[in-house]
Protein backbone atom coordinates (compact mmCIF):
# COMPACT_ATOMS: atom_id res chain seq x y z
CA MET A 1 57.82 173.81 123.72
CA LEU A 2 61.21 174.61 124.77
CA LEU A 3 62.78 171.58 123.34
CA GLY A 4 61.38 172.68 120.04
CA GLY A 5 62.97 176.26 120.25
CA PHE A 6 65.73 174.62 120.96
CA LEU A 7 66.18 172.10 118.49
CA GLY A 8 64.86 174.80 115.78
CA ALA A 9 67.62 177.44 116.77
CA TRP A 10 70.13 174.60 116.22
CA GLN A 11 69.22 173.40 112.86
CA TRP A 12 68.96 177.14 111.57
CA ASP A 13 72.60 177.37 112.94
CA ARG A 14 73.77 174.35 111.24
CA ALA A 15 71.93 175.85 108.33
CA ASN A 16 74.53 178.93 108.50
CA ASN A 17 77.38 176.63 109.12
CA LYS A 18 76.59 175.27 105.67
CA GLN A 19 75.99 178.44 103.87
CA ALA A 20 79.80 179.49 105.13
CA ALA A 21 80.89 175.57 103.96
CA ALA A 22 79.46 175.40 100.81
CA LEU A 23 80.65 179.49 100.10
CA ALA A 24 84.00 178.53 101.42
CA ARG A 25 84.00 175.37 98.79
CA ALA A 26 83.05 177.90 96.18
CA ASN A 27 85.40 180.05 97.02
CA ALA A 28 88.56 178.01 97.64
CA PRO A 29 91.38 178.78 95.00
CA ALA A 30 93.35 176.82 92.42
CA GLN A 31 96.70 175.21 93.56
CA VAL A 32 99.87 173.89 91.48
CA ASP A 33 101.70 171.85 93.75
CA PRO A 34 101.23 173.64 97.20
CA GLN A 35 103.56 173.18 100.42
CA THR A 36 101.16 174.69 102.96
CA LEU A 37 97.67 172.97 103.94
CA PRO A 38 94.87 173.52 101.17
CA ALA A 39 91.45 175.25 101.83
CA GLU A 40 88.49 172.42 101.64
CA GLY A 41 87.46 172.00 98.16
CA ALA A 42 90.34 173.39 96.56
CA GLU A 43 91.84 172.32 93.53
CA LEU A 44 94.73 170.96 93.07
CA THR A 45 97.20 170.09 90.30
CA LEU A 46 99.93 167.74 91.23
CA ASN A 47 102.78 166.45 89.62
CA GLY A 48 104.77 163.95 91.11
CA GLU A 49 105.23 159.99 90.75
CA TYR A 50 102.21 157.40 91.95
CA MET A 51 103.54 154.73 94.23
CA PRO A 52 101.37 151.68 92.12
CA GLU A 53 102.62 149.19 94.70
CA HIS A 54 100.47 150.52 97.94
CA THR A 55 97.45 150.94 95.78
CA LEU A 56 93.71 150.11 97.77
CA PHE A 57 90.47 150.14 96.81
CA LEU A 58 87.28 151.92 98.38
CA ASP A 59 84.83 149.07 98.14
CA ASN A 60 80.94 149.18 97.34
CA ARG A 61 80.98 152.29 94.85
CA ILE A 62 78.15 152.38 92.70
CA VAL A 63 77.80 154.58 89.65
CA ASP A 64 75.24 154.48 87.33
CA GLY A 65 74.12 151.25 88.54
CA ARG A 66 77.63 149.95 88.10
CA LEU A 67 79.08 147.81 91.21
CA GLY A 68 83.31 148.70 91.47
CA VAL A 69 85.50 150.09 93.49
CA ALA A 70 87.11 153.33 93.71
CA VAL A 71 91.11 153.52 93.18
CA LEU A 72 93.71 154.91 96.30
CA THR A 73 97.26 155.39 95.32
CA PRO A 74 99.77 157.46 97.01
CA LEU A 75 101.55 160.17 95.13
CA LYS A 76 104.72 161.46 95.88
CA ASP A 77 105.26 165.05 94.64
CA LYS A 78 108.43 166.76 93.33
CA PHE A 79 108.99 168.33 96.79
CA GLY A 80 108.99 164.83 98.08
CA GLN A 81 105.66 165.35 100.06
CA TYR A 82 102.84 162.72 99.83
CA TRP A 83 99.68 162.73 98.68
CA LEU A 84 96.66 160.02 99.04
CA ILE A 85 95.12 159.95 95.43
CA GLN A 86 91.56 159.13 94.98
CA ARG A 87 91.71 157.92 91.02
CA GLY A 88 88.22 157.50 90.39
CA PHE A 89 85.73 154.48 89.74
CA VAL A 90 86.59 150.63 87.83
CA GLU A 91 83.86 148.35 87.73
CA THR A 92 83.95 145.17 89.17
CA GLY A 93 80.77 143.77 89.45
CA THR A 94 80.48 141.14 92.17
CA SER A 95 83.52 139.94 92.37
CA ARG A 96 85.72 139.99 95.15
CA ASP A 97 89.35 139.91 93.36
CA SER A 98 91.45 143.25 93.20
CA PRO A 99 90.73 144.23 89.38
CA SER A 100 93.93 144.51 87.34
CA ILE A 101 94.43 148.62 86.63
CA SER A 102 97.33 149.97 85.15
CA THR A 103 99.45 152.49 86.82
CA PRO A 104 101.55 155.17 85.11
CA ARG A 105 105.38 154.42 86.21
CA GLU A 106 106.85 158.15 84.90
CA GLN A 107 106.03 161.48 85.97
CA VAL A 108 102.15 162.44 86.04
CA SER A 109 99.91 165.53 86.36
CA LEU A 110 96.39 165.16 87.77
CA THR A 111 93.97 167.77 89.22
CA GLY A 112 91.27 166.97 91.69
CA LYS A 113 89.53 168.56 94.70
CA TRP A 114 90.94 168.49 98.26
CA GLN A 115 89.25 166.87 100.94
CA ALA A 116 90.14 166.59 104.66
CA ALA A 117 90.15 163.98 106.31
CA LYS A 118 87.54 163.64 108.97
CA ASP A 119 84.92 160.31 110.43
CA ASP A 120 82.75 159.42 107.87
CA GLY A 121 80.88 157.28 110.46
CA LEU A 122 80.43 153.80 111.68
CA LEU A 123 82.60 150.91 110.77
CA PHE A 124 80.81 147.67 111.06
CA GLY A 125 83.99 145.68 111.62
CA PRO A 126 87.57 146.03 110.42
CA ASN A 127 88.29 149.15 107.84
CA LEU A 128 90.60 146.83 106.30
CA GLU A 129 89.98 143.50 104.03
CA LYS A 130 92.52 142.57 102.15
CA GLU A 131 93.07 145.45 99.39
CA ARG A 132 89.65 146.85 100.22
CA LEU A 133 89.09 149.81 102.62
CA GLN A 134 84.98 150.47 103.72
CA GLN A 135 85.73 154.17 104.28
CA ILE A 136 88.93 156.41 102.47
CA SER A 137 91.63 156.78 105.64
CA LEU A 138 94.97 157.23 105.73
CA THR A 139 95.78 154.50 108.59
CA PRO A 140 96.10 151.57 106.48
CA TRP A 141 99.69 153.61 104.76
CA LEU A 142 101.17 155.02 107.61
CA GLY A 143 103.73 151.72 108.55
CA VAL A 144 104.65 151.80 105.10
CA ILE A 145 104.44 155.37 104.33
CA SER A 146 106.71 158.14 106.39
CA ASN A 147 104.04 161.09 106.21
CA PHE A 148 101.23 162.02 104.36
CA ARG A 149 101.86 165.76 105.40
CA TYR A 150 98.60 167.30 105.37
CA PRO A 151 95.60 165.11 106.70
CA GLY A 152 93.29 164.75 103.64
CA TRP A 153 92.87 162.87 100.21
CA VAL A 154 92.52 164.57 96.45
CA HIS A 155 89.48 163.29 94.72
CA ALA A 156 90.91 163.42 91.06
CA GLN A 157 88.81 164.74 87.97
CA THR A 158 91.59 164.86 84.98
CA GLY A 159 95.10 164.06 84.45
CA ASP A 160 97.28 160.87 84.26
CA GLY A 161 95.94 157.53 86.06
CA VAL A 162 92.44 158.88 86.43
CA PHE A 163 89.23 156.98 86.08
CA LEU A 164 85.43 157.52 85.81
CA GLU A 165 84.87 160.55 88.36
CA TRP A 166 81.93 159.55 90.53
CA TRP A 167 82.96 161.80 93.69
CA GLN A 168 80.65 164.89 94.90
CA ALA A 169 80.97 166.47 98.72
CA ASN A 170 78.19 164.74 100.43
CA VAL A 171 76.92 167.68 102.47
CA MET A 172 73.07 168.49 103.21
CA PRO A 173 71.83 171.88 101.60
CA ALA A 174 71.29 174.90 103.71
CA ASN A 175 67.48 174.99 102.82
CA ARG A 176 67.14 171.45 104.25
CA HIS A 177 68.23 172.78 107.91
CA ILE A 178 66.38 175.72 107.48
CA ALA A 179 63.01 173.15 106.38
CA TYR A 180 63.89 171.47 109.48
CA ALA A 181 64.22 174.59 111.98
CA LEU A 182 60.82 175.74 110.55
CA GLN A 183 59.07 172.43 111.16
CA TRP A 184 60.54 172.64 114.89
CA TRP A 185 59.18 175.86 115.38
CA GLY A 186 56.22 175.22 114.16
CA LEU A 187 55.51 172.61 116.66
CA ALA A 188 56.81 174.81 119.16
CA LEU A 189 54.07 177.09 118.34
CA VAL A 190 51.55 174.58 118.31
CA ALA A 191 53.00 173.32 121.88
CA LEU A 192 52.61 176.62 123.27
CA ILE A 193 48.61 177.40 121.27
CA THR A 194 47.36 173.67 123.28
CA MET A 195 49.08 174.85 126.53
CA TRP A 196 47.23 178.17 126.09
CA VAL A 197 43.89 176.81 125.17
CA GLY A 198 44.36 174.25 127.74
CA ARG A 199 45.11 176.66 130.90
CA ARG A 200 41.70 178.70 129.67
CA TYR A 201 39.60 175.53 129.58
CA LEU A 202 41.37 174.22 132.73
CA TYR A 203 40.15 177.41 134.62
CA SER A 204 37.29 177.85 133.15
CA SER A 205 36.63 174.43 134.09
CA ARG A 206 37.55 175.27 137.70
CA GLY A 207 35.31 178.24 137.78
CA HIS A 208 32.37 176.38 136.36
CA HIS A 209 32.80 173.45 139.41
CA GLU A 210 33.50 176.49 141.84
CA GLY A 211 29.92 178.22 141.11
CA GLY A 212 28.18 174.66 141.34
CA ASP A 213 29.59 174.13 145.08
CA ASP A 214 28.29 177.19 145.92
CA ASP A 215 24.30 177.36 144.80
CA SER A 216 24.59 173.70 146.20
CA HIS A 217 24.96 175.53 149.70
């Protein structure tokens, strides 16, 4: 009963956090060439130059049943800040060869959503294999780029050198956590009722046996 109550409260708290996060993302400001840490989900417009020689690919992306990769290219903005740009989906099929893509060499402008860097789960083996990554991470570029000022990346939506948009924020809706909380509290209530009924039955059974013993004497 106590465990059900605790887990229900935990899920309810997670629902509140998800609601707050969704609200923050919805209200995140649009920024042009920011020089401060963007808010999660902010729409950024960046102007600068791609660094195509440092392009890597996020492996095993599926869009509309098509297998491919997401193109990851660093960009140096006009202030000398480096940003990692997720440029969109490119179909590769089952081939393990790196896709042939075009990257503008001149000044570019693009717009996309900011996502702060975070741990996305377990890795099975090394993250980087040749030019492919299992998870987006800044680590593979740290030896060749002096510094990413902000820990995160931009999921490009429109602009120069942008491919098919595929990314969406992977956030479980708050109502799912509320449903889990109600389930746990329901189980806790069942446990409480079971305990109450069992207690009454135990006392009733004990009284019956005690009464039977008295009659036998």
